[in-house]
PDB file of N, CA and C in Angstrom:
ATOM      1  N   UNK A   1     132.115 -47.996 123.178  1.00  0.00           N
ATOM      2  CA  UNK A   1     130.757 -48.022 123.681  1.00  0.00           C
ATOM      3  C   UNK A   1     129.839 -48.623 122.621  1.00  0.00           C
ATOM      4  N   UNK A   2     129.031 -49.607 123.008  1.00  0.00           N
ATOM      5  CA  UNK A   2     128.117 -50.253 122.070  1.00  0.00           C
ATOM      6  C   UNK A   2     126.920 -49.356 121.799  1.00  0.00           C
ATOM      7  N   UNK A   3     126.378 -49.405 120.556  1.00  0.00           N
ATOM      8  CA  UNK A   3     125.195 -48.607 120.262  1.00  0.00           C
ATOM      9  C   UNK A   3     123.998 -49.108 121.057  1.00  0.00           C
ATOM     10  N   UNK A   4     123.134 -48.185 121.420  1.00  0.00           N
ATOM     11  CA  UNK A   4     121.920 -48.510 122.171  1.00  0.00           C
ATOM     12  C   UNK A   4     120.891 -49.101 121.217  1.00  0.00           C
ATOM     13  N   UNK A   5     120.207 -50.147 121.636  1.00  0.00           N
ATOM     14  CA  UNK A   5     119.145 -50.742 120.826  1.00  0.00           C
ATOM     15  C   UNK A   5     117.935 -49.812 120.817  1.00  0.00           C
ATOM     16  N   UNK A   6     117.282 -49.726 119.685  1.00  0.00           N
ATOM     17  CA  UNK A   6     116.090 -48.890 119.555  1.00  0.00           C
ATOM     18  C   UNK A   6     114.941 -49.482 120.356  1.00  0.00           C
ATOM     19  N   UNK A   7     114.080 -48.617 120.864  1.00  0.00           N
ATOM     20  CA  UNK A   7     112.861 -49.052 121.526  1.00  0.00           C
ATOM     21  C   UNK A   7     111.819 -49.300 120.452  1.00  0.00           C
ATOM     22  N   UNK A   8     111.222 -50.496 120.449  1.00  0.00           N
ATOM     23  CA  UNK A   8     110.254 -50.862 119.424  1.00  0.00           C
ATOM     24  C   UNK A   8     108.940 -51.308 120.043  1.00  0.00           C
ATOM     25  N   UNK A   9     107.834 -51.018 119.349  1.00  0.00           N
ATOM     26  CA  UNK A   9     106.518 -51.511 119.765  1.00  0.00           C
ATOM     27  C   UNK A   9     106.431 -52.996 119.404  1.00  0.00           C
ATOM     28  N   UNK A  10     105.390 -53.679 119.850  1.00  0.00           N
ATOM     29  CA  UNK A  10     105.233 -55.113 119.584  1.00  0.00           C
ATOM     30  C   UNK A  10     105.238 -55.401 118.082  1.00  0.00           C
ATOM     31  N   UNK A  11     104.541 -54.572 117.301  1.00  0.00           N
ATOM     32  CA  UNK A  11     104.471 -54.788 115.853  1.00  0.00           C
ATOM     33  C   UNK A  11     105.863 -54.676 115.227  1.00  0.00           C
ATOM     34  N   UNK A  12     106.631 -53.676 115.623  1.00  0.00           N
ATOM     35  CA  UNK A  12     107.955 -53.469 115.042  1.00  0.00           C
ATOM     36  C   UNK A  12     108.981 -54.476 115.552  1.00  0.00           C
ATOM     37  N   UNK A  13     108.703 -55.136 116.675  1.00  0.00           N
ATOM     38  CA  UNK A  13     109.618 -56.160 117.169  1.00  0.00           C
ATOM     39  C   UNK A  13     109.691 -57.335 116.193  1.00  0.00           C
ATOM     40  N   UNK A  14     108.721 -57.450 115.280  1.00  0.00           N
ATOM     41  CA  UNK A  14     108.778 -58.479 114.240  1.00  0.00           C
ATOM     42  C   UNK A  14     109.932 -58.235 113.288  1.00  0.00           C
ATOM     43  N   UNK A  15     110.486 -57.018 113.314  1.00  0.00           N
ATOM     44  CA  UNK A  15     111.595 -56.659 112.439  1.00  0.00           C
ATOM     45  C   UNK A  15     112.948 -56.980 113.074  1.00  0.00           C
ATOM     46  N   UNK A  16     112.951 -57.794 114.101  1.00  0.00           N
ATOM     47  CA  UNK A  16     114.170 -58.122 114.845  1.00  0.00           C
ATOM     48  C   UNK A  16     115.287 -58.546 113.899  1.00  0.00           C
ATOM     49  N   UNK A  17     116.457 -57.944 114.067  1.00  0.00           N
ATOM     50  CA  UNK A  17     117.582 -58.251 113.203  1.00  0.00           C
ATOM     51  C   UNK A  17     118.619 -59.146 113.865  1.00  0.00           C
ATOM     52  N   UNK A  18     118.393 -59.566 115.083  1.00  0.00           N
ATOM     53  CA  UNK A  18     119.296 -60.479 115.774  1.00  0.00           C
ATOM     54  C   UNK A  18     118.857 -61.895 115.384  1.00  0.00           C
ATOM     55  N   UNK A  19     119.587 -62.510 114.466  1.00  0.00           N
ATOM     56  CA  UNK A  19     119.187 -63.806 113.932  1.00  0.00           C
ATOM     57  C   UNK A  19     119.018 -64.860 115.019  1.00  0.00           C
ATOM     58  N   UNK A  20     119.908 -64.886 115.999  1.00  0.00           N
ATOM     59  CA  UNK A  20     119.821 -65.872 117.073  1.00  0.00           C
ATOM     60  C   UNK A  20     118.576 -65.626 117.911  1.00  0.00           C
ATOM     61  N   UNK A  21     118.296 -64.363 118.214  1.00  0.00           N
ATOM     62  CA  UNK A  21     117.125 -64.015 119.012  1.00  0.00           C
ATOM     63  C   UNK A  21     115.835 -64.335 118.261  1.00  0.00           C
ATOM     64  N   UNK A  22     115.898 -64.276 116.925  1.00  0.00           N
ATOM     65  CA  UNK A  22     114.733 -64.559 116.089  1.00  0.00           C
ATOM     66  C   UNK A  22     114.558 -66.057 115.851  1.00  0.00           C
ATOM     67  N   UNK A  23     115.396 -66.877 116.476  1.00  0.00           N
ATOM     68  CA  UNK A  23     115.281 -68.326 116.327  1.00  0.00           C
ATOM     69  C   UNK A  23     116.128 -68.891 115.200  1.00  0.00           C
ATOM     70  N   UNK A  24     117.063 -68.090 114.695  1.00  0.00           N
ATOM     71  CA  UNK A  24     117.912 -68.529 113.598  1.00  0.00           C
ATOM     72  C   UNK A  24     118.891 -69.615 114.024  1.00  0.00           C
ATOM     73  N   UNK A  25     119.141 -70.521 113.100  1.00  0.00           N
ATOM     74  CA  UNK A  25     120.088 -71.604 113.333  1.00  0.00           C
ATOM     75  C   UNK A  25     120.964 -71.762 112.102  1.00  0.00           C
ATOM     76  N   UNK A  26     122.091 -72.417 112.283  1.00  0.00           N
ATOM     77  CA  UNK A  26     122.985 -72.689 111.163  1.00  0.00           C
ATOM     78  C   UNK A  26     122.559 -73.997 110.515  1.00  0.00           C
ATOM     79  N   UNK A  27     122.317 -73.941 109.210  1.00  0.00           N
ATOM     80  CA  UNK A  27     122.042 -75.143 108.430  1.00  0.00           C
ATOM     81  C   UNK A  27     123.278 -75.467 107.610  1.00  0.00           C
ATOM     82  N   UNK A  28     123.391 -76.707 107.184  1.00  0.00           N
ATOM     83  CA  UNK A  28     124.540 -77.131 106.388  1.00  0.00           C
ATOM     84  C   UNK A  28     124.021 -77.894 105.170  1.00  0.00           C
ATOM     85  N   UNK A  29     124.493 -77.487 103.982  1.00  0.00           N
ATOM     86  CA  UNK A  29     124.107 -78.182 102.756  1.00  0.00           C
ATOM     87  C   UNK A  29     124.845 -79.507 102.664  1.00  0.00           C
ATOM     88  N   UNK A  30     124.470 -80.320 101.679  1.00  0.00           N
ATOM     89  CA  UNK A  30     125.109 -81.623 101.485  1.00  0.00           C
ATOM     90  C   UNK A  30     126.611 -81.491 101.218  1.00  0.00           C
ATOM     91  N   UNK A  31     127.030 -80.375 100.590  1.00  0.00           N
ATOM     92  CA  UNK A  31     128.460 -80.200 100.313  1.00  0.00           C
ATOM     93  C   UNK A  31     129.164 -79.339 101.364  1.00  0.00           C
ATOM     94  N   UNK A  32     128.547 -79.191 102.550  1.00  0.00           N
ATOM     95  CA  UNK A  32     129.216 -78.553 103.675  1.00  0.00           C
ATOM     96  C   UNK A  32     129.113 -77.044 103.787  1.00  0.00           C
ATOM     97  N   UNK A  33     128.344 -76.403 102.910  1.00  0.00           N
ATOM     98  CA  UNK A  33     128.171 -74.947 102.974  1.00  0.00           C
ATOM     99  C   UNK A  33     127.160 -74.600 104.076  1.00  0.00           C
ATOM    100  N   UNK A  34     127.518 -73.632 104.911  1.00  0.00           N
ATOM    101  CA  UNK A  34     126.610 -73.200 105.970  1.00  0.00           C
ATOM    102  C   UNK A  34     125.650 -72.142 105.447  1.00  0.00           C
ATOM    103  N   UNK A  35     124.438 -72.126 106.004  1.00  0.00           N
ATOM    104  CA  UNK A  35     123.454 -71.109 105.652  1.00  0.00           C
ATOM    105  C   UNK A  35     122.555 -70.858 106.854  1.00  0.00           C
ATOM    106  N   UNK A  36     121.885 -69.735 106.824  1.00  0.00           N
ATOM    107  CA  UNK A  36     121.013 -69.332 107.925  1.00  0.00           C
ATOM    108  C   UNK A  36     119.607 -69.897 107.725  1.00  0.00           C
ATOM    109  N   UNK A  37     119.079 -70.512 108.773  1.00  0.00           N
ATOM    110  CA  UNK A  37     117.719 -71.037 108.759  1.00  0.00           C
ATOM    111  C   UNK A  37     116.913 -70.222 109.767  1.00  0.00           C
ATOM    112  N   UNK A  38     115.883 -69.559 109.287  1.00  0.00           N
ATOM    113  CA  UNK A  38     115.003 -68.780 110.169  1.00  0.00           C
ATOM    114  C   UNK A  38     113.605 -69.385 110.155  1.00  0.00           C
ATOM    115  N   UNK A  39     112.956 -69.439 111.317  1.00  0.00           N
ATOM    116  CA  UNK A  39     111.586 -69.945 111.342  1.00  0.00           C
ATOM    117  C   UNK A  39     110.651 -68.957 110.632  1.00  0.00           C
ATOM    118  N   UNK A  40     109.586 -69.484 110.078  1.00  0.00           N
ATOM    119  CA  UNK A  40     108.582 -68.624 109.441  1.00  0.00           C
ATOM    120  C   UNK A  40     107.920 -67.792 110.534  1.00  0.00           C
ATOM    121  N   UNK A  41     107.711 -66.527 110.234  1.00  0.00           N
ATOM    122  CA  UNK A  41     107.074 -65.644 111.207  1.00  0.00           C
ATOM    123  C   UNK A  41     105.801 -65.095 110.593  1.00  0.00           C
ATOM    124  N   UNK A  42     104.857 -64.871 111.427  1.00  0.00           N
ATOM    125  CA  UNK A  42     103.585 -64.324 110.961  1.00  0.00           C
ATOM    126  C   UNK A  42     103.660 -62.810 111.072  1.00  0.00           C
ATOM    127  N   UNK A  43     103.457 -62.148 109.958  1.00  0.00           N
ATOM    128  CA  UNK A  43     103.509 -60.699 109.923  1.00  0.00           C
ATOM    129  C   UNK A  43     102.103 -60.133 109.920  1.00  0.00           C
ATOM    130  N   UNK A  44     101.962 -58.986 110.521  1.00  0.00           N
ATOM    131  CA  UNK A  44     100.674 -58.320 110.550  1.00  0.00           C
ATOM    132  C   UNK A  44     100.728 -57.098 109.653  1.00  0.00           C
ATOM    133  N   UNK A  45      99.560 -56.688 109.207  1.00  0.00           N
ATOM    134  CA  UNK A  45      99.478 -55.520 108.354  1.00  0.00           C
ATOM    135  C   UNK A  45      98.936 -54.355 109.175  1.00  0.00           C
ATOM    136  N   UNK A  46      99.510 -53.210 108.963  1.00  0.00           N
ATOM    137  CA  UNK A  46      99.025 -52.003 109.620  1.00  0.00           C
ATOM    138  C   UNK A  46      98.442 -51.098 108.557  1.00  0.00           C
ATOM    139  N   UNK A  47      97.191 -50.731 108.717  1.00  0.00           N
ATOM    140  CA  UNK A  47      96.576 -49.776 107.808  1.00  0.00           C
ATOM    141  C   UNK A  47      96.425 -48.461 108.548  1.00  0.00           C
ATOM    142  N   UNK A  48      96.856 -47.391 107.920  1.00  0.00           N
ATOM    143  CA  UNK A  48      96.783 -46.059 108.505  1.00  0.00           C
ATOM    144  C   UNK A  48      96.252 -45.112 107.445  1.00  0.00           C
ATOM    145  N   UNK A  49      95.833 -43.948 107.838  1.00  0.00           N
ATOM    146  CA  UNK A  49      95.268 -42.995 106.881  1.00  0.00           C
ATOM    147  C   UNK A  49      96.144 -41.765 106.755  1.00  0.00           C
ATOM    148  N   UNK A  50      96.530 -41.501 105.532  1.00  0.00           N
ATOM    149  CA  UNK A  50      97.325 -40.327 105.218  1.00  0.00           C
ATOM    150  C   UNK A  50      96.398 -39.123 105.116  1.00  0.00           C
ATOM    151  N   UNK A  51      96.731 -37.963 105.596  1.00  0.00           N
ATOM    152  CA  UNK A  51      98.052 -37.511 105.981  1.00  0.00           C
ATOM    153  C   UNK A  51      98.322 -37.586 107.484  1.00  0.00           C
ATOM    154  N   UNK A  52      97.348 -38.012 108.270  1.00  0.00           N
ATOM    155  CA  UNK A  52      97.537 -37.954 109.729  1.00  0.00           C
ATOM    156  C   UNK A  52      98.362 -39.113 110.278  1.00  0.00           C
ATOM    157  N   UNK A  53      98.194 -40.313 109.699  1.00  0.00           N
ATOM    158  CA  UNK A  53      98.934 -41.492 110.147  1.00  0.00           C
ATOM    159  C   UNK A  53      98.843 -41.653 111.667  1.00  0.00           C
ATOM    160  N   UNK A  54      97.619 -41.683 112.155  1.00  0.00           N
ATOM    161  CA  UNK A  54      97.380 -41.696 113.603  1.00  0.00           C
ATOM    162  C   UNK A  54      97.906 -42.950 114.302  1.00  0.00           C
ATOM    163  N   UNK A  55      97.839 -44.112 113.635  1.00  0.00           N
ATOM    164  CA  UNK A  55      98.356 -45.334 114.267  1.00  0.00           C
ATOM    165  C   UNK A  55      99.867 -45.223 114.491  1.00  0.00           C
ATOM    166  N   UNK A  56     100.566 -44.751 113.473  1.00  0.00           N
ATOM    167  CA  UNK A  56     102.014 -44.573 113.632  1.00  0.00           C
ATOM    168  C   UNK A  56     102.321 -43.489 114.660  1.00  0.00           C
ATOM    169  N   UNK A  57     101.523 -42.432 114.669  1.00  0.00           N
ATOM    170  CA  UNK A  57     101.739 -41.347 115.629  1.00  0.00           C
ATOM    171  C   UNK A  57     101.565 -41.847 117.065  1.00  0.00           C
ATOM    172  N   UNK A  58     100.493 -42.589 117.317  1.00  0.00           N
ATOM    173  CA  UNK A  58     100.256 -43.112 118.673  1.00  0.00           C
ATOM    174  C   UNK A  58     101.383 -44.038 119.122  1.00  0.00           C
ATOM    175  N   UNK A  59     101.811 -44.897 118.201  1.00  0.00           N
ATOM    176  CA  UNK A  59     102.893 -45.815 118.543  1.00  0.00           C
ATOM    177  C   UNK A  59     104.194 -45.052 118.794  1.00  0.00           C
ATOM    178  N   UNK A  60     104.446 -44.033 117.994  1.00  0.00           N
ATOM    179  CA  UNK A  60     105.641 -43.201 118.195  1.00  0.00           C
ATOM    180  C   UNK A  60     105.583 -42.499 119.547  1.00  0.00           C
ATOM    181  N   UNK A  61     104.424 -41.931 119.885  1.00  0.00           N
ATOM    182  CA  UNK A  61     104.270 -41.277 121.190  1.00  0.00           C
ATOM    183  C   UNK A  61     104.406 -42.273 122.331  1.00  0.00           C
ATOM    184  N   UNK A  62     104.090 -43.549 122.052  1.00  0.00           N
ATOM    185  CA  UNK A  62     104.252 -44.598 123.057  1.00  0.00           C
ATOM    186  C   UNK A  62     105.694 -45.049 123.219  1.00  0.00           C
ATOM    187  N   UNK A  63     106.586 -44.542 122.365  1.00  0.00           N
ATOM    188  CA  UNK A  63     108.008 -44.833 122.528  1.00  0.00           C
ATOM    189  C   UNK A  63     108.653 -45.623 121.405  1.00  0.00           C
ATOM    190  N   UNK A  64     107.878 -46.034 120.387  1.00  0.00           N
ATOM    191  CA  UNK A  64     108.474 -46.822 119.302  1.00  0.00           C
ATOM    192  C   UNK A  64     109.260 -45.904 118.365  1.00  0.00           C
ATOM    193  N   UNK A  65     110.569 -46.087 118.372  1.00  0.00           N
ATOM    194  CA  UNK A  65     111.433 -45.232 117.560  1.00  0.00           C
ATOM    195  C   UNK A  65     111.306 -45.528 116.071  1.00  0.00           C
ATOM    196  N   UNK A  66     111.001 -46.771 115.707  1.00  0.00           N
ATOM    197  CA  UNK A  66     110.843 -47.077 114.285  1.00  0.00           C
ATOM    198  C   UNK A  66     109.558 -46.477 113.735  1.00  0.00           C
ATOM    199  N   UNK A  67     108.457 -46.539 114.487  1.00  0.00           N
ATOM    200  CA  UNK A  67     107.202 -45.917 114.042  1.00  0.00           C
ATOM    201  C   UNK A  67     107.398 -44.410 113.865  1.00  0.00           C
ATOM    202  N   UNK A  68     108.140 -43.787 114.762  1.00  0.00           N
ATOM    203  CA  UNK A  68     108.418 -42.349 114.659  1.00  0.00           C
ATOM    204  C   UNK A  68     109.221 -42.056 113.397  1.00  0.00           C
ATOM    205  N   UNK A  69     110.262 -42.849 113.154  1.00  0.00           N
ATOM    206  CA  UNK A  69     111.087 -42.669 111.961  1.00  0.00           C
ATOM    207  C   UNK A  69     110.270 -42.884 110.692  1.00  0.00           C
ATOM    208  N   UNK A  70     109.475 -43.938 110.664  1.00  0.00           N
ATOM    209  CA  UNK A  70     108.670 -44.243 109.488  1.00  0.00           C
ATOM    210  C   UNK A  70     107.664 -43.136 109.203  1.00  0.00           C
ATOM    211  N   UNK A  71     106.961 -42.682 110.233  1.00  0.00           N
ATOM    212  CA  UNK A  71     105.973 -41.606 110.060  1.00  0.00           C
ATOM    213  C   UNK A  71     106.647 -40.324 109.577  1.00  0.00           C
ATOM    214  N   UNK A  72     107.731 -39.943 110.218  1.00  0.00           N
ATOM    215  CA  UNK A  72     108.447 -38.721 109.825  1.00  0.00           C
ATOM    216  C   UNK A  72     108.936 -38.807 108.378  1.00  0.00           C
ATOM    217  N   UNK A  73     109.431 -39.970 107.984  1.00  0.00           N
ATOM    218  CA  UNK A  73     109.933 -40.153 106.622  1.00  0.00           C
ATOM    219  C   UNK A  73     108.808 -40.051 105.604  1.00  0.00           C
ATOM    220  N   UNK A  74     107.674 -40.687 105.878  1.00  0.00           N
ATOM    221  CA  UNK A  74     106.530 -40.619 104.960  1.00  0.00           C
ATOM    222  C   UNK A  74     106.062 -39.174 104.805  1.00  0.00           C
ATOM    223  N   UNK A  75     105.914 -38.480 105.927  1.00  0.00           N
ATOM    224  CA  UNK A  75     105.439 -37.099 105.863  1.00  0.00           C
ATOM    225  C   UNK A  75     106.431 -36.180 105.163  1.00  0.00           C
ATOM    226  N   UNK A  76     107.720 -36.402 105.394  1.00  0.00           N
ATOM    227  CA  UNK A  76     108.747 -35.585 104.743  1.00  0.00           C
ATOM    228  C   UNK A  76     108.729 -35.804 103.243  1.00  0.00           C
ATOM    229  N   UNK A  77     108.654 -37.060 102.824  1.00  0.00           N
ATOM    230  CA  UNK A  77     108.642 -37.379 101.380  1.00  0.00           C
ATOM    231  C   UNK A  77     107.387 -36.825 100.709  1.00  0.00           C
ATOM    232  N   UNK A  78     106.278 -36.814 101.428  1.00  0.00           N
ATOM    233  CA  UNK A  78     105.035 -36.291 100.851  1.00  0.00           C
ATOM    234  C   UNK A  78     105.112 -34.789 100.645  1.00  0.00           C
ATOM    235  N   UNK A  79     105.938 -34.126 101.455  1.00  0.00           N
ATOM    236  CA  UNK A  79     106.068 -32.667 101.350  1.00  0.00           C
ATOM    237  C   UNK A  79     107.214 -32.220 100.439  1.00  0.00           C
ATOM    238  N   UNK A  80     108.007 -33.172  99.931  1.00  0.00           N
ATOM    239  CA  UNK A  80     109.127 -32.826  99.034  1.00  0.00           C
ATOM    240  C   UNK A  80     108.630 -32.534  97.622  1.00  0.00           C
TER     241      UNK A  80
END
């Protein structure tokens, strides 16, 4: 059984790890070595306020599993 893909918000979809889906192509050097070519992507910045992290909380409640993981990890580390 294949693992289920995580549900991600639009912001977290920028973290796509499927190279082909992200527009990746195979490049070849002059001496025949293959390498991955990825298009430049525009990243956005998210500013949130600790300790509530309301932006991450809202996105997590909206179904983004990465925002939930990130928020939980930040809060856990702050309490360690």
